[in-house]
Protein backbone atom coordinates (compact mmCIF):
# COMPACT_ATOMS: atom_id res chain seq x y z
CA MET A 1 -21.69 -27.20 98.67
CA CYS A 2 -24.84 -25.24 100.00
CA GLY A 3 -27.13 -26.87 102.72
CA ARG A 4 -29.67 -24.39 102.42
CA GLU A 5 -33.28 -25.32 102.84
CA VAL A 6 -35.83 -24.84 99.86
CA THR A 7 -38.84 -22.82 100.60
CA SER A 8 -41.13 -20.70 98.42
CA CYS A 9 -38.95 -18.33 98.64
CA ALA A 10 -35.70 -20.02 98.30
CA LEU A 11 -36.41 -22.44 95.35
CA TRP A 12 -34.28 -25.46 93.75
CA CYS A 13 -35.82 -27.79 91.08
CA THR A 14 -33.99 -31.04 91.11
CA SER A 15 -34.14 -31.05 87.25
CA TRP A 16 -32.07 -28.20 87.21
CA ARG A 17 -29.92 -29.31 84.51
CA LYS A 18 -32.81 -28.70 81.94
CA HIS A 19 -32.82 -24.90 82.90
CA LYS A 20 -30.51 -23.39 80.15
CA GLU A 21 -30.35 -19.82 82.75
CA ALA A 22 -29.11 -22.25 85.59
CA VAL A 23 -27.06 -24.49 83.47
CA ALA A 24 -25.18 -21.28 82.27
CA GLN A 25 -24.66 -19.43 85.66
CA LEU A 26 -23.25 -22.54 87.19
CA TYR A 27 -20.97 -23.07 84.37
CA TRP A 28 -19.99 -19.63 84.74
CA LEU A 29 -19.44 -19.97 88.34
CA TRP A 30 -17.62 -23.16 87.84
CA MET A 31 -15.12 -21.11 85.53
CA GLU A 32 -14.62 -18.49 88.24
CA TRP A 33 -13.88 -20.95 90.91
CA ARG A 34 -11.02 -22.52 88.46
CA GLU A 35 -9.54 -19.39 87.75
CA LEU A 36 -9.91 -18.37 91.70
CA ALA A 37 -8.86 -21.85 93.43
CA GLY A 38 -5.32 -22.05 91.51
CA PRO A 39 -2.03 -21.49 93.60
CA GLU A 40 -1.73 -18.10 91.74
CA SER A 41 -4.90 -16.74 93.24
CA GLY A 42 -3.56 -16.97 96.80
CA ALA A 43 -5.11 -17.61 99.91
CA SER A 44 -8.11 -15.28 99.39
CA GLY A 45 -9.66 -16.78 96.07
CA HIS A 46 -11.95 -18.86 97.85
CA SER A 47 -13.42 -16.25 99.99
CA ALA A 48 -13.20 -14.05 96.65
CA ARG A 49 -15.21 -16.48 95.10
CA HIS A 50 -17.90 -16.99 98.03
CA ARG A 51 -18.03 -12.95 98.29
CA ASP A 52 -18.02 -11.94 94.51
CA HIS A 53 -20.05 -14.86 92.68
CA LEU A 54 -21.52 -17.76 94.98
CA THR A 55 -23.45 -15.73 96.86
CA HIS A 56 -24.57 -13.80 94.08
CA VAL A 57 -25.31 -16.76 91.85
CA MET A 58 -27.32 -19.18 94.03
CA ALA A 59 -29.25 -15.75 95.31
CA SER A 60 -30.27 -15.48 91.83
CA LEU A 61 -30.91 -19.14 90.69
CA ARG A 62 -33.16 -19.54 94.04
CA ASP A 63 -35.40 -16.36 93.94
CA PRO A 64 -39.27 -16.78 93.47
CA SER A 65 -39.37 -15.25 90.12
CA GLY A 66 -35.54 -16.94 88.96
CA PRO A 67 -35.24 -19.95 86.61
CA PHE A 68 -37.33 -22.39 89.06
CA ALA A 69 -40.35 -20.37 89.29
CA GLY A 70 -43.51 -22.89 88.63
CA CYS A 71 -40.95 -25.82 88.76
CA LYS A 72 -43.00 -28.13 91.38
CA ASP A 73 -42.05 -32.00 92.73
CA GLY A 74 -38.71 -32.10 90.32
CA SER A 75 -41.18 -31.02 87.32
CA ALA A 76 -39.12 -28.73 85.91
CA GLN A 77 -41.03 -26.04 83.91
CA GLN A 78 -40.54 -22.53 82.82
CA PRO A 79 -41.88 -19.73 84.86
CA ASP A 80 -45.89 -19.37 84.76
CA HIS A 81 -45.92 -16.56 82.79
CA LEU A 82 -44.43 -18.55 79.67
CA GLY A 83 -46.75 -21.30 80.19
CA LYS A 84 -44.89 -24.30 78.68
CA PRO A 85 -42.28 -26.96 80.08
CA VAL A 86 -38.86 -27.03 79.55
CA PRO A 87 -37.55 -29.68 76.68
C-alpha cells in the first residue's frame, strides 16, 4: 500500500496494467517480496525490501519521464515523444 498523492511530479496511471514497463517492475517487486517475506529472511526482510526495492521502483514508475508520462484522466498513453496509445 502506497498512499502518496498523485501530482505532476509524481504520476500514477489508473490503467497501469496497460503499461508493460510498469507491469514488469511490479512483477519483479512482487518476486522480491516473495523472497524477502519468507520465514528464512528473518525480521529484516521487509525493511530490506522497502530500502532496496520498493522505494526505487515507485520512484521510477512515478517519475515525470517514466512509463506514465503522457497519461491523463485514466487514459493510458505512451510518453508524448512516442505519440501513440498503449494497446
